Amino acid sequence: MEVRIGVTQSPKEIEVDLGDDADPAAVAKSVEDALNGDLGVLWLTDRKGRKVGVPAAKLAYVEIGSPNEERRVGFGSRVAAAH
């Protein structure tokens, strides 16, 4: 599962690959705990065992998803078929 973190005052995202067995609900709970001041830092461990810490005060957004999910890029339009 991939987690993308936006940090305030930075145009770059932090991407952390947690592995396919990661629990999205547990990750969301960790984010909430960090934002509520319980932790002060959001800590995530990637699939290789590396720890990534981001100060909760600097979190702009956190996107929780899977790299296997289809990503939509560009613009699309649906054209109704004429009968």
PDB file of N, CA and C in Angstrom:
ATOM      1  N   MET A   1       0.838  -1.168   0.000  1.00  0.00           N
ATOM      2  CA  MET A   1       0.000   0.000   0.000  1.00  0.00           C
ATOM      3  C   MET A   1       0.887   1.236   0.000  1.00  0.00           C
ATOM      4  N   GLU A   2       0.513   2.187  -0.806  1.00  0.00           N
ATOM      5  CA  GLU A   2       1.289   3.414  -0.930  1.00  0.00           C
ATOM      6  C   GLU A   2       0.627   4.538  -0.135  1.00  0.00           C
ATOM      7  N   VAL A   3       1.459   5.327   0.547  1.00  0.00           N
ATOM      8  CA  VAL A   3       0.992   6.498   1.271  1.00  0.00           C
ATOM      9  C   VAL A   3       1.755   7.690   0.730  1.00  0.00           C
ATOM     10  N   ARG A   4       1.014   8.733   0.329  1.00  0.00           N
ATOM     11  CA  ARG A   4       1.636   9.974  -0.132  1.00  0.00           C
ATOM     12  C   ARG A   4       1.332  11.057   0.884  1.00  0.00           C
ATOM     13  N   ILE A   5       2.374  11.776   1.266  1.00  0.00           N
ATOM     14  CA  ILE A   5       2.243  12.801   2.295  1.00  0.00           C
ATOM     15  C   ILE A   5       2.661  14.140   1.709  1.00  0.00           C
ATOM     16  N   GLY A   6       1.770  15.106   1.811  1.00  0.00           N
ATOM     17  CA  GLY A   6       2.102  16.468   1.431  1.00  0.00           C
ATOM     18  C   GLY A   6       2.574  17.223   2.661  1.00  0.00           C
ATOM     19  N   VAL A   7       3.629  17.984   2.492  1.00  0.00           N
ATOM     20  CA  VAL A   7       4.218  18.732   3.595  1.00  0.00           C
ATOM     21  C   VAL A   7       4.056  20.224   3.296  1.00  0.00           C
ATOM     22  N   THR A   8       3.680  20.996   4.311  1.00  0.00           N
ATOM     23  CA  THR A   8       3.493  22.425   4.111  1.00  0.00           C
ATOM     24  C   THR A   8       4.789  23.079   3.659  1.00  0.00           C
ATOM     25  N   GLN A   9       4.658  24.078   2.830  1.00  0.00           N
ATOM     26  CA  GLN A   9       5.766  24.875   2.300  1.00  0.00           C
ATOM     27  C   GLN A   9       6.764  24.048   1.490  1.00  0.00           C
ATOM     28  N   SER A  10       6.278  22.960   0.867  1.00  0.00           N
ATOM     29  CA  SER A  10       7.127  22.147   0.004  1.00  0.00           C
ATOM     30  C   SER A  10       6.279  21.615  -1.147  1.00  0.00           C
ATOM     31  N   PRO A  11       6.746  21.783  -2.377  1.00  0.00           N
ATOM     32  CA  PRO A  11       5.967  21.277  -3.503  1.00  0.00           C
ATOM     33  C   PRO A  11       6.106  19.759  -3.703  1.00  0.00           C
ATOM     34  N   LYS A  12       7.042  19.136  -3.021  1.00  0.00           N
ATOM     35  CA  LYS A  12       7.281  17.700  -3.193  1.00  0.00           C
ATOM     36  C   LYS A  12       6.477  16.892  -2.198  1.00  0.00           C
ATOM     37  N   GLU A  13       6.111  15.681  -2.616  1.00  0.00           N
ATOM     38  CA  GLU A  13       5.417  14.738  -1.754  1.00  0.00           C
ATOM     39  C   GLU A  13       6.413  13.720  -1.207  1.00  0.00           C
ATOM     40  N   ILE A  14       6.086  13.177  -0.060  1.00  0.00           N
ATOM     41  CA  ILE A  14       6.833  12.054   0.491  1.00  0.00           C
ATOM     42  C   ILE A  14       6.010  10.815   0.178  1.00  0.00           C
ATOM     43  N   GLU A  15       6.627   9.836  -0.481  1.00  0.00           N
ATOM     44  CA  GLU A  15       5.927   8.597  -0.804  1.00  0.00           C
ATOM     45  C   GLU A  15       6.540   7.461   0.003  1.00  0.00           C
ATOM     46  N   VAL A  16       5.674   6.721   0.679  1.00  0.00           N
ATOM     47  CA  VAL A  16       6.112   5.600   1.501  1.00  0.00           C
ATOM     48  C   VAL A  16       5.340   4.368   1.059  1.00  0.00           C
ATOM     49  N   ASP A  17       6.058   3.315   0.687  1.00  0.00           N
ATOM     50  CA  ASP A  17       5.443   2.054   0.296  1.00  0.00           C
ATOM     51  C   ASP A  17       5.423   1.145   1.516  1.00  0.00           C
ATOM     52  N   LEU A  18       4.232   0.940   2.085  1.00  0.00           N
ATOM     53  CA  LEU A  18       4.113   0.178   3.323  1.00  0.00           C
ATOM     54  C   LEU A  18       4.014  -1.320   3.104  1.00  0.00           C
ATOM     55  N   GLY A  19       3.825  -1.738   1.896  1.00  0.00           N
ATOM     56  CA  GLY A  19       3.648  -3.161   1.637  1.00  0.00           C
ATOM     57  C   GLY A  19       2.173  -3.473   1.466  1.00  0.00           C
ATOM     58  N   ASP A  20       1.902  -4.596   0.843  1.00  0.00           N
ATOM     59  CA  ASP A  20       0.530  -4.952   0.510  1.00  0.00           C
ATOM     60  C   ASP A  20      -0.301  -5.374   1.718  1.00  0.00           C
ATOM     61  N   ASP A  21       0.336  -5.777   2.802  1.00  0.00           N
ATOM     62  CA  ASP A  21      -0.407  -6.248   3.964  1.00  0.00           C
ATOM     63  C   ASP A  21      -0.742  -5.144   4.960  1.00  0.00           C
ATOM     64  N   ALA A  22      -0.386  -3.898   4.655  1.00  0.00           N
ATOM     65  CA  ALA A  22      -0.655  -2.781   5.565  1.00  0.00           C
ATOM     66  C   ALA A  22      -2.161  -2.541   5.672  1.00  0.00           C
ATOM     67  N   ASP A  23      -2.590  -2.134   6.849  1.00  0.00           N
ATOM     68  CA  ASP A  23      -4.006  -1.887   7.128  1.00  0.00           C
ATOM     69  C   ASP A  23      -4.311  -0.394   6.959  1.00  0.00           C
ATOM     70  N   PRO A  24      -5.112  -0.011   5.959  1.00  0.00           N
ATOM     71  CA  PRO A  24      -5.427   1.400   5.744  1.00  0.00           C
ATOM     72  C   PRO A  24      -6.068   2.070   6.964  1.00  0.00           C
ATOM     73  N   ALA A  25      -6.896   1.337   7.692  1.00  0.00           N
ATOM     74  CA  ALA A  25      -7.542   1.903   8.881  1.00  0.00           C
ATOM     75  C   ALA A  25      -6.517   2.207   9.967  1.00  0.00           C
ATOM     76  N   ALA A  26      -5.522   1.343  10.123  1.00  0.00           N
ATOM     77  CA  ALA A  26      -4.478   1.571  11.125  1.00  0.00           C
ATOM     78  C   ALA A  26      -3.612   2.772  10.742  1.00  0.00           C
ATOM     79  N   VAL A  27      -3.341   2.930   9.444  1.00  0.00           N
ATOM     80  CA  VAL A  27      -2.564   4.085   8.979  1.00  0.00           C
ATOM     81  C   VAL A  27      -3.353   5.366   9.224  1.00  0.00           C
ATOM     82  N   ALA A  28      -4.643   5.351   8.907  1.00  0.00           N
ATOM     83  CA  ALA A  28      -5.490   6.523   9.140  1.00  0.00           C
ATOM     84  C   ALA A  28      -5.526   6.873  10.625  1.00  0.00           C
ATOM     85  N   LYS A  29      -5.590   5.874  11.480  1.00  0.00           N
ATOM     86  CA  LYS A  29      -5.587   6.101  12.934  1.00  0.00           C
ATOM     87  C   LYS A  29      -4.270   6.723  13.378  1.00  0.00           C
ATOM     88  N   SER A  30      -3.158   6.280  12.808  1.00  0.00           N
ATOM     89  CA  SER A  30      -1.853   6.859  13.135  1.00  0.00           C
ATOM     90  C   SER A  30      -1.797   8.327  12.739  1.00  0.00           C
ATOM     91  N   VAL A  31      -2.372   8.654  11.576  1.00  0.00           N
ATOM     92  CA  VAL A  31      -2.412  10.044  11.115  1.00  0.00           C
ATOM     93  C   VAL A  31      -3.251  10.879  12.077  1.00  0.00           C
ATOM     94  N   GLU A  32      -4.421  10.373  12.442  1.00  0.00           N
ATOM     95  CA  GLU A  32      -5.296  11.091  13.363  1.00  0.00           C
ATOM     96  C   GLU A  32      -4.630  11.319  14.712  1.00  0.00           C
ATOM     97  N   ASP A  33      -3.960  10.294  15.235  1.00  0.00           N
ATOM     98  CA  ASP A  33      -3.266  10.420  16.518  1.00  0.00           C
ATOM     99  C   ASP A  33      -2.174  11.484  16.451  1.00  0.00           C
ATOM    100  N   ALA A  34      -1.435  11.500  15.344  1.00  0.00           N
ATOM    101  CA  ALA A  34      -0.372  12.500  15.185  1.00  0.00           C
ATOM    102  C   ALA A  34      -0.963  13.904  15.117  1.00  0.00           C
ATOM    103  N   LEU A  35      -2.065  14.060  14.400  1.00  0.00           N
ATOM    104  CA  LEU A  35      -2.685  15.375  14.260  1.00  0.00           C
ATOM    105  C   LEU A  35      -3.355  15.852  15.542  1.00  0.00           C
ATOM    106  N   ASN A  36      -3.832  14.915  16.346  1.00  0.00           N
ATOM    107  CA  ASN A  36      -4.473  15.283  17.604  1.00  0.00           C
ATOM    108  C   ASN A  36      -3.473  15.599  18.705  1.00  0.00           C
ATOM    109  N   GLY A  37      -2.195  15.515  18.394  1.00  0.00           N
ATOM    110  CA  GLY A  37      -1.174  15.859  19.368  1.00  0.00           C
ATOM    111  C   GLY A  37      -0.744  14.721  20.261  1.00  0.00           C
ATOM    112  N   ASP A  38      -1.336  13.540  20.064  1.00  0.00           N
ATOM    113  CA  ASP A  38      -0.961  12.407  20.902  1.00  0.00           C
ATOM    114  C   ASP A  38       0.479  11.978  20.653  1.00  0.00           C
ATOM    115  N   LEU A  39       0.944  12.118  19.405  1.00  0.00           N
ATOM    116  CA  LEU A  39       2.288  11.677  19.058  1.00  0.00           C
ATOM    117  C   LEU A  39       3.218  12.837  18.703  1.00  0.00           C
ATOM    118  N   GLY A  40       2.711  13.853  18.000  1.00  0.00           N
ATOM    119  CA  GLY A  40       3.552  14.966  17.569  1.00  0.00           C
ATOM    120  C   GLY A  40       4.298  14.693  16.277  1.00  0.00           C
ATOM    121  N   VAL A  41       4.529  13.406  15.992  1.00  0.00           N
ATOM    122  CA  VAL A  41       5.220  13.009  14.769  1.00  0.00           C
ATOM    123  C   VAL A  41       4.467  11.817  14.179  1.00  0.00           C
ATOM    124  N   LEU A  42       4.252  11.849  12.870  1.00  0.00           N
ATOM    125  CA  LEU A  42       3.674  10.701  12.180  1.00  0.00           C
ATOM    126  C   LEU A  42       4.822   9.790  11.775  1.00  0.00           C
ATOM    127  N   TRP A  43       4.850   8.590  12.339  1.00  0.00           N
ATOM    128  CA  TRP A  43       5.889   7.614  12.014  1.00  0.00           C
ATOM    129  C   TRP A  43       5.280   6.495  11.193  1.00  0.00           C
ATOM    130  N   LEU A  44       5.901   6.197  10.061  1.00  0.00           N
ATOM    131  CA  LEU A  44       5.511   5.070   9.221  1.00  0.00           C
ATOM    132  C   LEU A  44       6.750   4.242   8.925  1.00  0.00           C
ATOM    133  N   THR A  45       6.579   2.938   8.811  1.00  0.00           N
ATOM    134  CA  THR A  45       7.685   2.035   8.479  1.00  0.00           C
ATOM    135  C   THR A  45       7.408   1.428   7.116  1.00  0.00           C
ATOM    136  N   ASP A  46       8.344   1.599   6.175  1.00  0.00           N
ATOM    137  CA  ASP A  46       8.132   1.087   4.818  1.00  0.00           C
ATOM    138  C   ASP A  46       8.399  -0.417   4.766  1.00  0.00           C
ATOM    139  N   ARG A  47       8.184  -0.986   3.579  1.00  0.00           N
ATOM    140  CA  ARG A  47       8.309  -2.441   3.428  1.00  0.00           C
ATOM    141  C   ARG A  47       9.729  -2.953   3.640  1.00  0.00           C
ATOM    142  N   LYS A  48      10.725  -2.066   3.596  1.00  0.00           N
ATOM    143  CA  LYS A  48      12.120  -2.477   3.830  1.00  0.00           C
ATOM    144  C   LYS A  48      12.543  -2.261   5.273  1.00  0.00           C
ATOM    145  N   GLY A  49      11.611  -1.795   6.108  1.00  0.00           N
ATOM    146  CA  GLY A  49      11.906  -1.600   7.522  1.00  0.00           C
ATOM    147  C   GLY A  49      12.433  -0.218   7.869  1.00  0.00           C
ATOM    148  N   ARG A  50      12.507   0.678   6.894  1.00  0.00           N
ATOM    149  CA  ARG A  50      12.967   2.044   7.171  1.00  0.00           C
ATOM    150  C   ARG A  50      11.836   2.843   7.795  1.00  0.00           C
ATOM    151  N   LYS A  51      12.160   3.651   8.785  1.00  0.00           N
ATOM    152  CA  LYS A  51      11.171   4.494   9.457  1.00  0.00           C
ATOM    153  C   LYS A  51      11.218   5.894   8.875  1.00  0.00           C
ATOM    154  N   VAL A  52      10.020   6.447   8.618  1.00  0.00           N
ATOM    155  CA  VAL A  52       9.890   7.796   8.098  1.00  0.00           C
ATOM    156  C   VAL A  52       9.058   8.579   9.111  1.00  0.00           C
ATOM    157  N   GLY A  53       9.580   9.696   9.557  1.00  0.00           N
ATOM    158  CA  GLY A  53       8.864  10.536  10.514  1.00  0.00           C
ATOM    159  C   GLY A  53       8.617  11.917   9.935  1.00  0.00           C
ATOM    160  N   VAL A  54       7.390  12.394  10.065  1.00  0.00           N
ATOM    161  CA  VAL A  54       7.017  13.729   9.597  1.00  0.00           C
ATOM    162  C   VAL A  54       6.346  14.445  10.761  1.00  0.00           C
ATOM    163  N   PRO A  55       6.835  15.648  11.123  1.00  0.00           N
ATOM    164  CA  PRO A  55       6.175  16.388  12.205  1.00  0.00           C
ATOM    165  C   PRO A  55       4.708  16.658  11.856  1.00  0.00           C
ATOM    166  N   ALA A  56       3.813  16.362  12.775  1.00  0.00           N
ATOM    167  CA  ALA A  56       2.383  16.520  12.521  1.00  0.00           C
ATOM    168  C   ALA A  56       2.030  17.953  12.146  1.00  0.00           C
ATOM    169  N   ALA A  57       2.725  18.910  12.683  1.00  0.00           N
ATOM    170  CA  ALA A  57       2.444  20.314  12.393  1.00  0.00           C
ATOM    171  C   ALA A  57       2.736  20.669  10.936  1.00  0.00           C
ATOM    172  N   LYS A  58       3.520  19.868  10.246  1.00  0.00           N
ATOM    173  CA  LYS A  58       3.889  20.129   8.850  1.00  0.00           C
ATOM    174  C   LYS A  58       3.052  19.344   7.843  1.00  0.00           C
ATOM    175  N   LEU A  59       2.134  18.494   8.321  1.00  0.00           N
ATOM    176  CA  LEU A  59       1.315  17.703   7.415  1.00  0.00           C
ATOM    177  C   LEU A  59       0.304  18.591   6.695  1.00  0.00           C
ATOM    178  N   ALA A  60       0.330  18.562   5.371  1.00  0.00           N
ATOM    179  CA  ALA A  60      -0.665  19.272   4.573  1.00  0.00           C
ATOM    180  C   ALA A  60      -1.794  18.306   4.211  1.00  0.00           C
ATOM    181  N   TYR A  61      -1.444  17.082   3.803  1.00  0.00           N
ATOM    182  CA  TYR A  61      -2.423  16.045   3.503  1.00  0.00           C
ATOM    183  C   TYR A  61      -1.737  14.698   3.522  1.00  0.00           C
ATOM    184  N   VAL A  62      -2.530  13.655   3.674  1.00  0.00           N
ATOM    185  CA  VAL A  62      -2.047  12.276   3.613  1.00  0.00           C
ATOM    186  C   VAL A  62      -3.014  11.512   2.721  1.00  0.00           C
ATOM    187  N   GLU A  63      -2.472  10.875   1.702  1.00  0.00           N
ATOM    188  CA  GLU A  63      -3.273  10.093   0.760  1.00  0.00           C
ATOM    189  C   GLU A  63      -2.913   8.630   0.944  1.00  0.00           C
ATOM    190  N   ILE A  64      -3.893   7.837   1.330  1.00  0.00           N
ATOM    191  CA  ILE A  64      -3.671   6.417   1.595  1.00  0.00           C
ATOM    192  C   ILE A  64      -4.275   5.625   0.451  1.00  0.00           C
ATOM    193  N   GLY A  65      -3.465   4.802  -0.186  1.00  0.00           N
ATOM    194  CA  GLY A  65      -3.969   4.016  -1.309  1.00  0.00           C
ATOM    195  C   GLY A  65      -3.001   2.927  -1.673  1.00  0.00           C
ATOM    196  N   SER A  66      -3.302   2.272  -2.768  1.00  0.00           N
ATOM    197  CA  SER A  66      -2.475   1.178  -3.242  1.00  0.00           C
ATOM    198  C   SER A  66      -1.848   1.545  -4.572  1.00  0.00           C
ATOM    199  N   PRO A  67      -0.562   1.214  -4.792  1.00  0.00           N
ATOM    200  CA  PRO A  67       0.045   1.505  -6.083  1.00  0.00           C
ATOM    201  C   PRO A  67      -0.567   0.686  -7.208  1.00  0.00           C
ATOM    202  N   ASN A  68      -1.323  -0.356  -6.869  1.00  0.00           N
ATOM    203  CA  ASN A  68      -1.953  -1.188  -7.881  1.00  0.00           C
ATOM    204  C   ASN A  68      -3.256  -0.600  -8.387  1.00  0.00           C
ATOM    205  N   GLU A  69      -3.771   0.413  -7.681  1.00  0.00           N
ATOM    206  CA  GLU A  69      -5.008   1.040  -8.120  1.00  0.00           C
ATOM    207  C   GLU A  69      -4.758   1.838  -9.389  1.00  0.00           C
ATOM    208  N   GLU A  70      -5.763   1.881 -10.214  1.00  0.00           N
ATOM    209  CA  GLU A  70      -5.653   2.616 -11.465  1.00  0.00           C
ATOM    210  C   GLU A  70      -5.522   4.105 -11.186  1.00  0.00           C
ATOM    211  N   ARG A  71      -4.552   4.719 -11.823  1.00  0.00           N
ATOM    212  CA  ARG A  71      -4.373   6.166 -11.695  1.00  0.00           C
ATOM    213  C   ARG A  71      -4.902   6.828 -12.951  1.00  0.00           C
ATOM    214  N   ARG A  72      -5.681   7.861 -12.756  1.00  0.00           N
ATOM    215  CA  ARG A  72      -6.230   8.591 -13.890  1.00  0.00           C
ATOM    216  C   ARG A  72      -5.365   9.811 -14.140  1.00  0.00           C
ATOM    217  N   VAL A  73      -4.995   9.964 -15.388  1.00  0.00           N
ATOM    218  CA  VAL A  73      -4.128  11.067 -15.768  1.00  0.00           C
ATOM    219  C   VAL A  73      -4.765  11.790 -16.945  1.00  0.00           C
ATOM    220  N   GLY A  74      -4.713  13.102 -16.921  1.00  0.00           N
ATOM    221  CA  GLY A  74      -5.212  13.875 -18.045  1.00  0.00           C
ATOM    222  C   GLY A  74      -6.692  14.156 -17.944  1.00  0.00           C
ATOM    223  N   PHE A  75      -7.266  14.498 -19.073  1.00  0.00           N
ATOM    224  CA  PHE A  75      -8.670  14.870 -19.122  1.00  0.00           C
ATOM    225  C   PHE A  75      -9.415  13.826 -19.934  1.00  0.00           C
ATOM    226  N   GLY A  76     -10.624  13.579 -19.538  1.00  0.00           N
ATOM    227  CA  GLY A  76     -11.442  12.630 -20.269  1.00  0.00           C
ATOM    228  C   GLY A  76     -12.819  13.219 -20.499  1.00  0.00           C
ATOM    229  N   SER A  77     -13.463  12.737 -21.510  1.00  0.00           N
ATOM    230  CA  SER A  77     -14.834  13.176 -21.749  1.00  0.00           C
ATOM    231  C   SER A  77     -15.652  11.978 -22.177  1.00  0.00           C
ATOM    232  N   ARG A  78     -16.882  12.011 -21.790  1.00  0.00           N
ATOM    233  CA  ARG A  78     -17.791  10.953 -22.193  1.00  0.00           C
ATOM    234  C   ARG A  78     -18.725  11.520 -23.237  1.00  0.00           C
ATOM    235  N   VAL A  79     -18.802  10.837 -24.312  1.00  0.00           N
ATOM    236  CA  VAL A  79     -19.660  11.262 -25.406  1.00  0.00           C
ATOM    237  C   VAL A  79     -20.828  10.316 -25.482  1.00  0.00           C
ATOM    238  N   ALA A  80     -22.012  10.868 -25.411  1.00  0.00           N
ATOM    239  CA  ALA A  80     -23.208  10.026 -25.488  1.00  0.00           C
ATOM    240  C   ALA A  80     -23.367   9.536 -26.921  1.00  0.00           C
ATOM    241  N   ALA A  81     -23.666   8.284 -27.051  1.00  0.00           N
ATOM    242  CA  ALA A  81     -23.844   7.700 -28.381  1.00  0.00           C
ATOM    243  C   ALA A  81     -25.169   8.184 -28.967  1.00  0.00           C
ATOM    244  N   ALA A  82     -25.124   8.590 -30.189  1.00  0.00           N
ATOM    245  CA  ALA A  82     -26.342   9.044 -30.878  1.00  0.00           C
ATOM    246  C   ALA A  82     -27.094   7.831 -31.411  1.00  0.00           C
ATOM    247  N   HIS A  83     -28.381   7.809 -31.192  1.00  0.00           N
ATOM    248  CA  HIS A  83     -29.191   6.685 -31.684  1.00  0.00           C
ATOM    249  C   HIS A  83     -30.032   7.131 -32.817  1.00  0.00           C
TER     250      HIS A  83
END
